[in-house]
Amino acid sequence: MLLCLNESPFLMENKPLPYAEIRRQLNEGTRTCVGLVQQYLEQIDSFNAEYNVFLEVYRDEALEKAALIDHKFKQGNPGSLAGMVIGIKDLLTYENHGSQAGSQILNGFKSSFTGTAVQRLIDADAIIIGRQNCDEFGMGSTNENSSFGPVLNFANKKHVAGGSSGGSAVAVQAGMCHVSIGTDTGGSIRMPASFCGISGLKPTYGLVSRWGLIAYASSFDSIGPMGHFVEDLDLVMNLMAGPDEQDSTVVAKSNQSTKFFRKIAYIKEIVEHPSLQAEIRKAFFMQVAQLEKAGYQVESVDFPYIDQMLPTYYVLTTAEASSNLSRFDGVKFGHRTENPHDLMDLYKKTRDEGFGEEVKRRIMLGTFVLSADYYDAYYTKAQKVRRLIQEKTDQILGGYDFIISPTTSSTAYALGEKTTDPLQMYLGDLFTVQANVTGLPAISVPMGSDEQDLPMGFQFMGPRFSESSLVEIAKLITHKF
């Protein structure tokens, strides 16, 4: 049966196909990898310029790789991801390819190595089709902070895609690739997944190597997959995960306890938050009823640190950003100002010219909280509050299988709606940052659309290394849409 290409590739009766079905057809010889890549390229040619999704498309090498994998199918030895077409966020390095982090400070930079997570996918015969637009250095919730311009939401191009992995989300949403690999520092996988009506998985901190990820905040950053099908996310995650000698923070996945309570918690202060859109609240409780019908006991719990969550997150992440981004100085790589007077002038002008306004704002905030006069008042105190948030979250998960919430407080913002007020923009991360502050895994899955046909998202958060359980519980929601 031929595919319907008038909306998105790999659609049969206007529904995306899971990788298992694509793989079956590849095994049977009724579909080829070259054909798959060509269809994705057609979709990119049709929509990429309008929606600003891919910064670079690896057209020729993707087709060459596809031809090699087709030969492997004929020989009977394809890899476990053979024929899966993947796009990567512009924060991930790929040898001899551009990596700019959505910034002009890295204009012209090409990586000398491939990051561990990307390399493991390539080794499994995945096909990398291009690098995707994102907020500069992952700093943003709308993808409007990219130096290459905003990514537009495929559901309605007057609205944002979400950030910072907006290009990665829209690439899947618009059928430009099967799966995208994004990064999540405070919700940057889950928020755009919610805004674009797809699924996104943020793993346990330390499960996936960060080697090859251009750092924003090292103790928060995570690499994870985005796609239509949670089963595909689980498959990709299991391949990317595991120890890596290049990243000392990676830990071997522990055996998750088999003890299940058949109980799920939601945080009362979140579902009663005044910023929560009424349609999202209604849809959320409809899904709660679905979970109860499936045999789960769903209860509300109190969380006393809601008001401290975002300040803790932003104090710590800006401090780490201040340190991590100090390496971009115009000396070793990337943009360099012309005709500086001296070395200090070179540093100042290069960074002023190369960094966008939001990145400069966060660097200055981070430098301030790390300064000698304010270190204890802000940075040290935020570390202590982070520990309290971790302990309270672990306490809840000591008696419940999962914590659930809407992924975001509203559907996708209109373009420009939040850019004039950074504080309002930061509030958009309120429902997602808990997983990053605590290092726990979380998944966002679609839960329908609002009256404007803008997608809404439902989030599950679980104990450490509970990714497979999150995928299984998420199926109860995703199979309805």
Protein backbone atom coordinates (compact mmCIF):
# COMPACT_ATOMS: atom_id res chain seq x y z
CA MET A 1 0.00 0.00 0.00
CA LEU A 2 1.33 3.42 -0.95
CA LEU A 3 1.77 6.10 1.68
CA CYS A 4 -0.35 9.21 1.91
CA LEU A 5 2.05 12.11 1.39
CA ASN A 6 -0.27 15.09 1.25
CA GLU A 7 0.19 15.87 4.96
CA SER A 8 3.13 13.89 6.33
CA PRO A 9 5.32 11.01 5.19
CA PHE A 10 4.80 7.54 6.61
CA LEU A 11 1.11 8.16 7.05
CA MET A 12 -1.31 5.40 6.29
CA GLU A 13 -4.92 6.58 6.45
CA ASN A 14 -3.51 9.82 7.91
CA LYS A 15 -1.94 8.03 10.89
CA PRO A 16 1.80 7.76 11.55
CA LEU A 17 3.29 4.28 11.55
CA PRO A 18 5.30 2.96 14.50
CA TYR A 19 8.81 1.79 13.80
CA ALA A 20 7.82 -1.85 14.39
CA GLU A 21 5.47 -1.66 11.39
CA ILE A 22 8.03 0.15 9.24
CA ARG A 23 10.61 -2.45 10.21
CA ARG A 24 8.25 -5.28 9.30
CA GLN A 25 7.78 -3.81 5.83
CA LEU A 26 11.53 -3.35 5.43
CA ASN A 27 12.10 -6.97 6.42
CA GLU A 28 9.49 -8.12 3.92
CA GLY A 29 10.96 -6.00 1.16
CA THR A 30 7.74 -4.05 0.54
CA ARG A 31 9.52 -0.83 1.56
CA THR A 32 13.10 0.41 1.21
CA CYS A 33 15.21 2.70 3.36
CA VAL A 34 16.02 4.82 0.31
CA GLY A 35 12.31 5.27 -0.30
CA LEU A 36 11.73 6.26 3.31
CA VAL A 37 14.49 8.86 3.24
CA GLN A 38 13.24 10.26 -0.06
CA GLN A 39 9.75 10.71 1.39
CA TYR A 40 11.08 12.52 4.44
CA LEU A 41 13.20 14.72 2.18
CA GLU A 42 10.11 15.56 0.14
CA GLN A 43 8.36 16.67 3.32
CA ILE A 44 11.38 18.74 4.33
CA ASP A 45 11.46 20.35 0.89
CA SER A 46 7.76 21.17 1.19
CA PHE A 47 7.72 22.71 4.67
CA ASN A 48 11.18 23.37 6.09
CA ALA A 49 11.61 26.88 4.71
CA GLU A 50 8.17 27.92 5.96
CA TYR A 51 8.43 26.44 9.46
CA ASN A 52 12.21 26.93 10.01
CA VAL A 53 12.83 23.43 11.39
CA PHE A 54 16.14 22.12 10.02
CA LEU A 55 19.28 24.24 10.00
CA GLU A 56 21.08 21.71 7.85
CA VAL A 57 19.83 18.67 5.94
CA TYR A 58 22.22 15.79 5.25
CA ARG A 59 20.52 14.87 2.00
CA ASP A 60 23.23 13.01 0.10
CA GLU A 61 24.75 11.14 3.01
CA ALA A 62 21.31 10.11 4.34
CA LEU A 63 20.50 8.58 0.95
CA GLU A 64 23.92 6.90 0.82
CA LYS A 65 23.44 5.46 4.30
CA ALA A 66 19.95 4.29 3.35
CA ALA A 67 21.33 2.43 0.33
CA LEU A 68 23.91 0.69 2.52
CA ILE A 69 21.23 -0.35 5.00
CA ASP A 70 19.02 -1.67 2.20
CA HIS A 71 21.96 -3.88 1.28
CA LYS A 72 22.19 -5.04 4.89
CA PHE A 73 18.53 -6.06 4.77
CA LYS A 74 19.25 -8.12 1.68
CA GLN A 75 22.19 -9.73 3.47
CA GLY A 76 20.06 -10.39 6.55
CA ASN A 77 22.13 -8.36 9.04
CA PRO A 78 20.52 -4.94 9.59
CA GLY A 79 21.02 -3.10 12.90
CA SER A 80 18.33 -2.79 15.53
CA LEU A 81 17.34 0.70 14.31
CA ALA A 82 17.86 0.07 10.61
CA GLY A 83 15.65 2.38 8.59
CA MET A 84 14.73 4.69 11.46
CA VAL A 85 15.24 8.26 10.22
CA ILE A 86 16.35 10.59 13.00
CA GLY A 87 16.97 14.32 13.32
CA ILE A 88 19.27 15.74 15.98
CA LYS A 89 19.01 18.99 17.90
CA ASP A 90 21.64 21.61 17.18
CA LEU A 91 23.15 21.04 20.64
CA LEU A 92 24.48 17.58 19.76
CA THR A 93 27.80 17.04 18.04
CA TYR A 94 28.21 14.98 14.86
CA GLU A 95 31.70 14.56 13.44
CA ASN A 96 32.52 16.86 10.50
CA HIS A 97 29.09 18.48 10.71
CA GLY A 98 28.08 21.89 11.97
CA SER A 99 27.12 22.29 15.63
CA GLN A 100 26.07 25.82 16.54
CA ALA A 101 23.72 25.48 19.52
CA GLY A 102 21.37 27.88 17.72
CA SER A 103 23.98 30.61 18.22
CA GLN A 104 26.21 32.86 16.12
CA ILE A 105 29.03 32.46 18.64
CA LEU A 106 29.67 29.07 16.98
CA ASN A 107 29.24 30.29 13.42
CA GLY A 108 31.23 28.02 11.11
CA PHE A 109 32.13 25.49 13.80
CA LYS A 110 32.25 21.82 12.82
CA SER A 111 32.64 19.12 15.41
CA SER A 112 35.68 16.86 15.45
CA PHE A 113 33.78 13.99 17.05
CA THR A 114 30.32 12.45 17.38
CA GLY A 115 28.59 12.49 20.76
CA THR A 116 28.05 9.14 22.46
CA ALA A 117 24.25 9.12 22.23
CA VAL A 118 24.28 9.95 18.53
CA GLN A 119 27.05 7.46 17.81
CA ARG A 120 25.12 4.63 19.45
CA LEU A 121 22.17 5.34 17.17
CA ILE A 122 24.40 5.42 14.11
CA ASP A 123 25.97 2.12 15.18
CA ALA A 124 22.45 0.63 15.27
CA ASP A 125 21.94 1.73 11.62
CA ALA A 126 19.75 4.74 12.32
CA ILE A 127 19.91 7.37 9.56
CA ILE A 128 20.69 10.94 10.66
CA ILE A 129 18.86 13.29 8.30
CA GLY A 130 19.87 16.69 9.68
CA ARG A 131 20.30 19.09 12.59
CA GLN A 132 17.36 20.98 13.99
CA ASN A 133 16.74 24.55 15.11
CA CYS A 134 16.60 25.29 18.85
CA ASP A 135 16.71 28.11 21.37
CA GLU A 136 20.26 29.39 21.69
CA PHE A 137 22.18 27.03 23.99
CA GLY A 138 18.84 25.55 25.04
CA MET A 139 17.82 28.75 26.82
CA GLY A 140 14.16 29.29 26.11
CA SER A 141 10.65 27.89 26.21
CA THR A 142 9.37 28.95 22.79
CA ASN A 143 12.23 28.51 20.29
CA GLU A 144 12.11 32.26 19.69
CA ASN A 145 15.61 32.71 21.13
CA SER A 146 17.36 30.98 18.24
CA SER A 147 19.71 33.19 16.26
CA PHE A 148 18.19 31.54 13.18
CA GLY A 149 14.67 32.72 13.97
CA PRO A 150 11.70 30.97 15.58
CA VAL A 151 10.35 27.55 14.69
CA LEU A 152 6.64 27.68 13.86
CA ASN A 153 4.09 25.21 15.18
CA PHE A 154 2.81 22.89 12.44
CA ALA A 155 -0.64 22.92 14.06
CA ASN A 156 -0.85 26.69 13.64
CA LYS A 157 2.09 28.70 12.36
CA LYS A 158 0.96 31.79 14.29
CA HIS A 159 2.00 29.94 17.43
CA VAL A 160 5.34 28.86 18.84
CA ALA A 161 6.63 25.31 18.79
CA GLY A 162 7.87 25.36 22.38
CA GLY A 163 11.47 25.24 23.46
CA SER A 164 14.16 24.70 23.51
CA SER A 165 13.78 21.59 21.29
CA GLY A 166 11.20 23.25 19.05
CA GLY A 167 12.76 22.22 15.77
CA SER A 168 13.01 18.64 16.98
CA ALA A 169 9.32 18.59 17.93
CA VAL A 170 8.03 20.11 14.70
CA ALA A 171 10.23 17.79 12.61
CA VAL A 172 8.29 14.85 14.05
CA GLN A 173 4.96 16.71 14.08
CA ALA A 174 5.29 17.61 10.38
CA GLY A 175 6.61 14.22 9.29
CA MET A 176 10.15 15.37 8.47
CA CYS A 177 11.71 12.50 10.41
CA HIS A 178 10.53 9.54 12.45
CA VAL A 179 12.23 10.43 15.75
CA SER A 180 14.15 13.47 16.95
CA ILE A 181 16.82 13.57 19.63
CA GLY A 182 16.38 16.61 21.84
CA THR A 183 17.76 17.81 25.14
CA ASP A 184 15.93 18.69 28.35
CA THR A 185 17.30 21.06 31.00
CA GLY A 186 14.01 22.30 32.46
CA GLY A 187 11.39 20.82 30.15
CA SER A 188 12.95 21.38 26.73
CA ILE A 189 11.84 17.98 25.41
CA ARG A 190 8.48 17.76 27.15
CA MET A 191 7.22 21.31 26.62
CA PRO A 192 7.62 21.33 22.81
CA ALA A 193 6.30 17.77 22.68
CA SER A 194 3.17 19.01 24.47
CA PHE A 195 2.81 22.08 22.26
CA CYS A 196 3.20 19.97 19.10
CA GLY A 197 1.05 16.96 20.01
CA ILE A 198 3.80 14.34 20.14
CA SER A 199 5.54 12.38 22.92
CA GLY A 200 8.86 13.21 24.54
CA LEU A 201 10.91 11.34 27.13
CA LYS A 202 13.33 12.99 29.54
CA PRO A 203 15.47 10.23 31.13
CA THR A 204 16.88 9.83 34.61
CA TYR A 205 19.88 12.13 35.02
CA GLY A 206 22.99 10.06 34.36
CA LEU A 207 21.28 7.40 32.27
CA VAL A 208 22.46 8.83 28.92
CA SER A 209 25.96 10.16 28.38
CA ARG A 210 26.24 13.91 27.89
CA TRP A 211 29.50 13.51 25.95
CA GLY A 212 28.90 15.49 22.78
CA LEU A 213 26.15 17.68 24.25
CA ILE A 214 27.00 21.39 24.18
CA ALA A 215 26.40 22.17 27.84
CA TYR A 216 23.94 24.67 29.26
CA ALA A 217 23.62 23.50 32.89
CA SER A 218 25.61 20.32 33.45
CA SER A 219 23.76 18.99 36.50
CA PHE A 220 20.39 19.38 34.75
CA ASP A 221 21.00 18.59 31.07
CA SER A 222 19.59 15.33 29.69
CA ILE A 223 19.39 13.86 26.19
CA GLY A 224 16.18 12.13 25.16
CA PRO A 225 13.97 11.09 22.22
CA MET A 226 10.83 12.65 20.76
CA GLY A 227 8.33 10.88 18.52
CA HIS A 228 4.76 9.87 17.90
CA PHE A 229 4.99 6.48 19.61
CA VAL A 230 6.15 5.88 23.17
CA GLU A 231 7.30 2.39 22.17
CA ASP A 232 9.75 3.99 19.74
CA LEU A 233 11.02 6.31 22.48
CA ASP A 234 11.69 3.32 24.72
CA LEU A 235 13.58 1.55 21.94
CA VAL A 236 15.76 4.57 21.19
CA MET A 237 16.34 5.33 24.87
CA ASN A 238 17.55 1.81 25.63
CA LEU A 239 20.11 2.09 22.83
CA MET A 240 21.42 5.49 23.92
CA ALA A 241 21.59 4.60 27.62
CA GLY A 242 24.48 3.08 29.49
CA PRO A 243 27.93 3.77 30.94
CA ASP A 244 30.42 5.84 28.99
CA GLU A 245 34.02 6.43 29.99
CA GLN A 246 33.79 9.95 28.54
CA ASP A 247 31.14 11.03 31.10
CA SER A 248 31.75 10.27 34.76
CA THR A 249 28.18 11.20 35.71
CA VAL A 250 26.71 8.26 33.77
CA VAL A 251 25.59 5.39 35.94
CA ALA A 252 24.63 1.86 35.07
CA LYS A 253 20.88 1.40 35.04
CA SER A 254 19.81 -0.23 38.27
CA ASN A 255 17.14 -2.87 38.47
CA GLN A 256 13.92 -1.08 39.24
CA SER A 257 11.97 -2.40 42.20
CA THR A 258 9.10 -4.65 41.20
CA LYS A 259 6.98 -3.25 44.01
CA PHE A 260 3.96 -1.41 42.61
CA PHE A 261 1.34 0.37 44.65
CA ARG A 262 -1.22 0.81 41.85
CA LYS A 263 -1.40 4.37 43.17
CA ILE A 264 -0.70 7.63 41.36
CA ALA A 265 -0.29 11.08 42.87
CA TYR A 266 -0.93 14.52 41.49
CA ILE A 267 0.25 17.68 43.22
CA LYS A 268 -2.66 19.74 44.45
CA GLU A 269 -0.83 23.06 44.10
CA ILE A 270 -0.19 22.40 40.39
CA VAL A 271 -3.71 21.47 39.30
CA GLU A 272 -5.07 24.43 41.30
CA HIS A 273 -2.46 26.86 39.98
CA PRO A 274 -4.08 30.05 38.63
CA SER A 275 -2.01 29.88 35.43
CA LEU A 276 -3.52 26.53 34.41
CA GLN A 277 -5.74 26.82 31.33
CA ALA A 278 -9.28 25.61 32.08
CA GLU A 279 -9.39 23.27 29.07
CA ILE A 280 -6.14 21.63 30.14
CA ARG A 281 -7.43 21.15 33.68
CA LYS A 282 -10.60 19.54 32.34
CA ALA A 283 -8.66 17.27 29.96
CA PHE A 284 -6.27 16.32 32.76
CA PHE A 285 -9.05 15.08 35.03
CA MET A 286 -10.59 13.18 32.14
CA GLN A 287 -7.32 11.27 31.90
CA VAL A 288 -7.32 10.79 35.67
CA ALA A 289 -10.68 9.05 35.25
CA GLN A 290 -9.15 6.88 32.54
CA LEU A 291 -6.34 5.84 34.88
CA GLU A 292 -8.84 5.06 37.63
CA LYS A 293 -10.82 2.96 35.17
CA ALA A 294 -7.62 1.04 34.48
CA GLY A 295 -7.38 0.15 38.17
CA TYR A 296 -5.15 2.90 39.57
CA GLN A 297 -5.96 4.82 42.71
CA VAL A 298 -5.29 8.50 41.98
CA GLU A 299 -4.86 10.89 44.91
CA SER A 300 -3.85 14.50 45.43
CA VAL A 301 -0.80 15.31 47.56
CA ASP A 302 0.57 18.55 48.94
CA PHE A 303 3.96 19.85 47.82
CA PRO A 304 5.22 22.74 49.95
CA TYR A 305 7.99 23.90 47.61
CA ILE A 306 6.07 24.87 44.47
CA ASP A 307 6.94 28.55 44.88
CA GLN A 308 10.62 27.70 45.38
CA MET A 309 10.92 25.38 42.36
CA LEU A 310 11.51 27.94 39.61
CA PRO A 311 13.80 30.26 41.63
CA THR A 312 15.92 27.24 42.60
CA TYR A 313 16.07 26.08 39.00
CA TYR A 314 17.02 29.46 37.56
CA VAL A 315 19.61 30.32 40.21
CA LEU A 316 21.42 27.02 39.67
CA THR A 317 21.10 26.77 35.89
CA THR A 318 22.24 30.34 35.26
CA ALA A 319 25.20 29.78 37.58
CA GLU A 320 26.20 26.68 35.63
CA ALA A 321 25.62 28.48 32.33
CA SER A 322 27.92 31.29 33.42
CA SER A 323 30.66 28.73 33.95
CA ASN A 324 29.97 26.53 30.92
CA LEU A 325 29.69 29.34 28.40
CA SER A 326 32.93 31.02 29.47
CA ARG A 327 34.74 28.79 26.94
CA PHE A 328 33.19 30.69 24.04
CA ASP A 329 35.63 33.58 23.80
CA GLY A 330 36.65 33.86 20.14
CA VAL A 331 40.10 32.38 20.72
CA LYS A 332 39.75 28.66 19.97
CA PHE A 333 36.71 28.28 17.68
CA GLY A 334 33.58 29.94 16.34
CA HIS A 335 32.95 33.64 15.90
CA ARG A 336 35.75 36.16 16.52
CA THR A 337 35.30 39.93 16.44
CA GLU A 338 37.28 41.90 13.88
CA ASN A 339 40.14 44.24 14.80
CA PRO A 340 40.06 44.05 18.62
CA HIS A 341 42.28 46.50 20.48
CA ASP A 342 43.63 43.87 22.89
CA LEU A 343 42.76 40.48 24.39
CA MET A 344 40.13 41.83 26.76
CA ASP A 345 38.51 43.73 23.91
CA LEU A 346 38.51 40.51 21.89
CA TYR A 347 36.64 38.67 24.67
CA LYS A 348 34.09 41.40 25.25
CA LYS A 349 33.23 42.19 21.64
CA THR A 350 33.19 38.56 20.53
CA ARG A 351 30.76 37.54 23.26
CA ASP A 352 28.61 40.64 22.81
CA GLU A 353 28.34 40.03 19.05
CA GLY A 354 27.98 36.25 19.21
CA PHE A 355 25.53 35.72 22.06
CA GLY A 356 21.84 36.62 21.90
CA GLU A 357 20.03 38.72 24.48
CA GLU A 358 18.59 35.82 26.49
CA VAL A 359 21.94 34.05 26.71
CA LYS A 360 23.65 37.23 27.87
CA ARG A 361 20.87 37.77 30.42
CA ARG A 362 21.37 34.31 31.92
CA ILE A 363 25.17 34.57 31.93
CA MET A 364 24.93 37.83 33.85
CA LEU A 365 22.42 36.37 36.31
CA GLY A 366 24.65 33.37 36.85
CA THR A 367 27.76 35.48 37.32
CA PHE A 368 25.88 37.57 39.88
CA VAL A 369 24.73 34.60 42.00
CA LEU A 370 28.26 33.16 41.94
CA SER A 371 29.90 36.41 43.00
CA ALA A 372 31.63 36.45 46.38
CA ASP A 373 29.11 38.79 47.97
CA TYR A 374 26.04 36.78 46.95
CA TYR A 375 27.28 33.17 46.66
CA ASP A 376 25.86 32.02 50.00
CA ALA A 377 22.70 34.10 49.74
CA TYR A 378 21.71 32.62 46.38
CA TYR A 379 23.78 29.71 45.06
CA THR A 380 24.36 27.89 48.35
CA LYS A 381 20.77 28.41 49.46
CA ALA A 382 19.45 27.16 46.11
CA GLN A 383 21.50 23.97 46.46
CA LYS A 384 19.94 23.38 49.89
CA VAL A 385 16.43 23.94 48.55
CA ARG A 386 17.17 21.60 45.66
CA ARG A 387 17.91 18.88 48.19
CA LEU A 388 14.60 19.57 49.98
CA ILE A 389 12.71 19.32 46.69
CA GLN A 390 14.47 16.04 45.88
CA GLU A 391 13.72 14.57 49.30
CA LYS A 392 10.05 15.56 49.23
CA THR A 393 9.59 14.20 45.70
CA ASP A 394 11.28 10.92 46.64
CA GLN A 395 9.04 10.73 49.71
CA ILE A 396 5.93 10.97 47.53
CA LEU A 397 7.27 8.34 45.14
CA GLY A 398 7.94 6.13 48.13
CA GLY A 399 4.20 5.54 48.34
CA TYR A 400 3.06 6.10 44.76
CA ASP A 401 4.12 4.65 41.42
CA PHE A 402 4.03 7.95 39.51
CA ILE A 403 3.37 11.67 39.86
CA ILE A 404 1.15 13.11 37.12
CA SER A 405 0.39 16.63 35.93
CA PRO A 406 -0.40 18.60 32.83
CA THR A 407 2.85 19.11 30.94
CA THR A 408 2.28 22.83 30.52
CA SER A 409 -0.08 25.37 32.02
CA SER A 410 -1.36 26.43 28.59
CA THR A 411 -1.28 25.43 24.96
CA ALA A 412 1.25 26.97 22.58
CA TYR A 413 1.68 30.72 22.95
CA ALA A 414 1.16 33.08 20.06
CA LEU A 415 4.40 34.24 18.47
CA GLY A 416 5.80 37.17 20.44
CA GLU A 417 3.32 36.75 23.30
CA LYS A 418 5.93 36.07 25.99
CA THR A 419 9.11 37.59 24.59
CA THR A 420 8.67 41.05 26.13
CA ASP A 421 8.46 39.68 29.69
CA PRO A 422 11.16 37.11 30.57
CA LEU A 423 9.53 36.35 33.94
CA GLN A 424 6.31 35.26 32.22
CA MET A 425 8.39 33.12 29.86
CA TYR A 426 10.15 31.46 32.80
CA LEU A 427 6.80 30.63 34.43
CA GLY A 428 6.08 28.37 31.47
CA ASP A 429 8.54 25.85 32.90
CA LEU A 430 6.71 25.52 36.22
CA PHE A 431 5.23 22.06 35.60
CA THR A 432 8.34 20.52 34.02
CA VAL A 433 11.33 21.69 36.10
CA GLN A 434 10.67 19.33 39.01
CA ALA A 435 11.99 16.38 37.02
CA ASN A 436 15.20 18.27 36.25
CA VAL A 437 15.74 19.62 39.75
CA THR A 438 15.34 16.08 41.12
CA GLY A 439 17.01 14.19 38.26
CA LEU A 440 13.96 11.97 37.77
CA PRO A 441 12.58 10.64 34.46
CA ALA A 442 9.41 12.09 32.96
CA ILE A 443 7.40 11.65 29.80
CA SER A 444 4.92 13.92 28.05
CA VAL A 445 2.23 12.40 25.87
CA PRO A 446 -0.64 13.99 23.92
CA MET A 447 -4.05 14.43 25.54
CA GLY A 448 -6.06 16.01 22.76
CA SER A 449 -6.44 19.63 21.69
CA ASP A 450 -8.13 22.76 22.98
CA GLU A 451 -10.83 24.76 21.22
CA GLN A 452 -8.20 26.33 18.92
CA ASP A 453 -7.01 22.85 17.90
CA LEU A 454 -3.74 23.43 19.73
CA PRO A 455 -2.33 20.26 21.34
CA MET A 456 -2.29 19.62 25.08
CA GLY A 457 0.12 17.36 26.98
CA PHE A 458 -0.08 14.97 29.95
CA GLN A 459 3.04 14.27 32.03
CA PHE A 460 4.12 11.25 34.06
CA MET A 461 7.13 11.43 36.38
CA GLY A 462 8.53 8.31 38.03
CA PRO A 463 11.32 7.06 40.27
CA ARG A 464 14.88 6.85 38.99
CA PHE A 465 15.36 4.43 36.09
CA SER A 466 11.62 3.87 35.66
CA GLU A 467 11.65 4.80 31.96
CA SER A 468 10.14 1.50 30.79
CA SER A 469 7.36 1.76 33.38
CA LEU A 470 6.66 5.32 32.28
CA VAL A 471 6.29 4.11 28.71
CA GLU A 472 3.87 1.38 29.77
CA ILE A 473 1.65 3.67 31.83
CA ALA A 474 1.75 6.31 29.11
CA LYS A 475 0.14 3.87 26.69
CA LEU A 476 -3.08 4.17 28.68
CA ILE A 477 -3.23 7.80 27.57
CA THR A 478 -1.66 7.74 24.10
CA HIS A 479 -3.78 4.91 22.73
CA LYS A 480 -6.83 7.18 23.02
CA PHE A 481 -5.44 9.77 20.58
